[in-house]
Amino acid sequence: MTLKEQIIKELDSLPESTLEVILENIRPIKSQEKVEEDPFFQAYLDTLPQWEEVYRRLADA
């Protein structure tokens, strides 16, 4: 049984109210995955080690 099949099996046994909570938690995870795939975000991550101090100062300004 695959991981996805195991998750579906567990979801099938949960009440509707619990499924709503799970859905609310899954949506932000999916949004985060989209952000991490963004080439501009990746470029930011690539520069982070070199420019972290500058970024922190700008955020604090």
N, C-alpha and C. Protein backbone atom coordinates (compact mmCIF):
# COMPACT_ATOMS: atom_id res chain seq x y z
N MET A 1 0.85 -1.18 0.00
CA MET A 1 0.00 0.00 0.00
C MET A 1 0.90 1.24 0.00
N THR A 2 0.61 2.17 -0.90
CA THR A 2 1.41 3.39 -0.99
C THR A 2 1.07 4.34 0.16
N LEU A 3 1.92 5.31 0.35
CA LEU A 3 1.68 6.31 1.39
C LEU A 3 0.38 7.05 1.13
N LYS A 4 0.13 7.40 -0.12
CA LYS A 4 -1.10 8.11 -0.47
C LYS A 4 -2.32 7.24 -0.13
N GLU A 5 -2.26 5.96 -0.44
CA GLU A 5 -3.37 5.05 -0.12
C GLU A 5 -3.58 4.94 1.39
N GLN A 6 -2.51 4.93 2.14
CA GLN A 6 -2.61 4.87 3.60
C GLN A 6 -3.28 6.13 4.15
N ILE A 7 -2.90 7.27 3.59
CA ILE A 7 -3.49 8.54 4.04
C ILE A 7 -4.98 8.56 3.72
N ILE A 8 -5.33 8.15 2.52
CA ILE A 8 -6.74 8.12 2.12
C ILE A 8 -7.53 7.18 3.02
N LYS A 9 -6.96 6.04 3.36
CA LYS A 9 -7.63 5.09 4.24
C LYS A 9 -7.90 5.72 5.60
N GLU A 10 -6.91 6.42 6.13
CA GLU A 10 -7.10 7.09 7.42
C GLU A 10 -8.15 8.20 7.32
N LEU A 11 -8.12 8.97 6.23
CA LEU A 11 -9.09 10.04 6.04
C LEU A 11 -10.51 9.52 5.97
N ASP A 12 -10.68 8.37 5.35
CA ASP A 12 -12.01 7.77 5.22
C ASP A 12 -12.64 7.44 6.57
N SER A 13 -11.83 7.28 7.58
CA SER A 13 -12.36 6.90 8.89
C SER A 13 -12.61 8.10 9.81
N LEU A 14 -12.33 9.31 9.32
CA LEU A 14 -12.46 10.49 10.17
C LEU A 14 -13.81 11.17 9.97
N PRO A 15 -14.31 11.83 11.03
CA PRO A 15 -15.56 12.58 10.89
C PRO A 15 -15.35 13.84 10.05
N GLU A 16 -16.44 14.35 9.50
CA GLU A 16 -16.40 15.52 8.61
C GLU A 16 -15.73 16.73 9.29
N SER A 17 -16.01 16.94 10.56
CA SER A 17 -15.44 18.10 11.26
C SER A 17 -13.90 18.02 11.32
N THR A 18 -13.38 16.84 11.48
CA THR A 18 -11.93 16.65 11.50
C THR A 18 -11.34 16.87 10.10
N LEU A 19 -12.08 16.44 9.09
CA LEU A 19 -11.62 16.64 7.71
C LEU A 19 -11.51 18.12 7.37
N GLU A 20 -12.41 18.92 7.91
CA GLU A 20 -12.35 20.37 7.68
C GLU A 20 -11.06 20.95 8.27
N VAL A 21 -10.69 20.50 9.45
CA VAL A 21 -9.46 20.97 10.08
C VAL A 21 -8.24 20.55 9.26
N ILE A 22 -8.26 19.33 8.79
CA ILE A 22 -7.15 18.83 7.98
C ILE A 22 -7.03 19.64 6.70
N LEU A 23 -8.15 19.93 6.06
CA LEU A 23 -8.13 20.72 4.83
C LEU A 23 -7.55 22.11 5.08
N GLU A 24 -7.92 22.72 6.19
CA GLU A 24 -7.39 24.04 6.54
C GLU A 24 -5.87 23.99 6.72
N ASN A 25 -5.34 22.86 7.14
CA ASN A 25 -3.90 22.72 7.33
C ASN A 25 -3.16 22.34 6.05
N ILE A 26 -3.85 21.69 5.14
CA ILE A 26 -3.21 21.28 3.88
C ILE A 26 -3.05 22.47 2.94
N ARG A 27 -4.02 23.34 2.89
CA ARG A 27 -3.97 24.47 1.94
C ARG A 27 -2.73 25.33 2.11
N PRO A 28 -2.33 25.72 3.31
CA PRO A 28 -1.10 26.51 3.43
C PRO A 28 0.15 25.75 2.98
N ILE A 29 0.15 24.44 3.17
CA ILE A 29 1.29 23.63 2.74
C ILE A 29 1.40 23.69 1.22
N LYS A 30 0.26 23.56 0.53
CA LYS A 30 0.27 23.63 -0.93
C LYS A 30 0.73 25.00 -1.40
N SER A 31 0.29 26.05 -0.72
CA SER A 31 0.70 27.41 -1.09
C SER A 31 2.20 27.57 -0.93
N GLN A 32 2.75 27.02 0.14
CA GLN A 32 4.19 27.12 0.39
C GLN A 32 4.98 26.40 -0.70
N GLU A 33 4.48 25.26 -1.16
CA GLU A 33 5.16 24.52 -2.23
C GLU A 33 5.23 25.36 -3.49
N LYS A 34 4.16 26.09 -3.80
CA LYS A 34 4.14 26.94 -4.99
C LYS A 34 5.17 28.06 -4.86
N VAL A 35 5.29 28.63 -3.67
CA VAL A 35 6.26 29.70 -3.45
C VAL A 35 7.67 29.17 -3.62
N GLU A 36 7.95 27.99 -3.10
CA GLU A 36 9.29 27.43 -3.19
C GLU A 36 9.67 27.08 -4.62
N GLU A 37 8.70 26.85 -5.50
CA GLU A 37 8.98 26.54 -6.89
C GLU A 37 9.20 27.81 -7.71
N ASP A 38 8.86 28.96 -7.17
CA ASP A 38 8.98 30.24 -7.87
C ASP A 38 10.46 30.55 -8.12
N PRO A 39 10.85 30.82 -9.37
CA PRO A 39 12.27 31.08 -9.67
C PRO A 39 12.79 32.34 -8.96
N PHE A 40 11.92 33.33 -8.74
CA PHE A 40 12.36 34.54 -8.04
C PHE A 40 12.64 34.24 -6.57
N PHE A 41 11.81 33.40 -5.96
CA PHE A 41 12.05 33.01 -4.58
C PHE A 41 13.33 32.19 -4.48
N GLN A 42 13.55 31.33 -5.45
CA GLN A 42 14.78 30.52 -5.47
C GLN A 42 16.01 31.41 -5.61
N ALA A 43 15.91 32.45 -6.44
CA ALA A 43 17.03 33.39 -6.58
C ALA A 43 17.31 34.08 -5.24
N TYR A 44 16.25 34.45 -4.53
CA TYR A 44 16.41 35.04 -3.19
C TYR A 44 17.13 34.06 -2.27
N LEU A 45 16.69 32.81 -2.26
CA LEU A 45 17.33 31.82 -1.40
C LEU A 45 18.80 31.62 -1.75
N ASP A 46 19.13 31.70 -3.04
CA ASP A 46 20.51 31.54 -3.47
C ASP A 46 21.40 32.67 -2.96
N THR A 47 20.83 33.87 -2.81
CA THR A 47 21.61 35.02 -2.35
C THR A 47 21.59 35.18 -0.83
N LEU A 48 20.74 34.46 -0.17
CA LEU A 48 20.55 34.62 1.27
C LEU A 48 21.83 34.50 2.09
N PRO A 49 22.66 33.49 1.88
CA PRO A 49 23.87 33.41 2.71
C PRO A 49 24.76 34.65 2.60
N GLN A 50 24.89 35.18 1.43
CA GLN A 50 25.77 36.33 1.21
C GLN A 50 25.14 37.63 1.71
N TRP A 51 23.83 37.78 1.59
CA TRP A 51 23.17 39.05 1.87
C TRP A 51 22.24 39.01 3.07
N GLU A 52 22.33 38.00 3.89
CA GLU A 52 21.40 37.85 5.01
C GLU A 52 21.38 39.07 5.94
N GLU A 53 22.55 39.59 6.25
CA GLU A 53 22.64 40.76 7.13
C GLU A 53 21.92 41.96 6.52
N VAL A 54 22.12 42.19 5.24
CA VAL A 54 21.48 43.31 4.56
C VAL A 54 19.96 43.13 4.57
N TYR A 55 19.50 41.92 4.24
CA TYR A 55 18.06 41.66 4.24
C TYR A 55 17.46 41.88 5.63
N ARG A 56 18.17 41.46 6.66
CA ARG A 56 17.67 41.63 8.02
C ARG A 56 17.56 43.11 8.36
N ARG A 57 18.57 43.89 8.00
CA ARG A 57 18.53 45.33 8.28
C ARG A 57 17.40 46.02 7.53
N LEU A 58 17.18 45.62 6.29
CA LEU A 58 16.09 46.21 5.52
C LEU A 58 14.73 45.85 6.14
N ALA A 59 14.60 44.64 6.60
CA ALA A 59 13.34 44.22 7.21
C ALA A 59 13.10 44.97 8.51
N ASP A 60 14.16 45.29 9.24
CA ASP A 60 14.03 45.99 10.51
C ASP A 60 13.83 47.50 10.34
N ALA A 61 14.13 48.01 9.15
CA ALA A 61 14.05 49.47 8.92
C ALA A 61 12.62 49.94 8.83
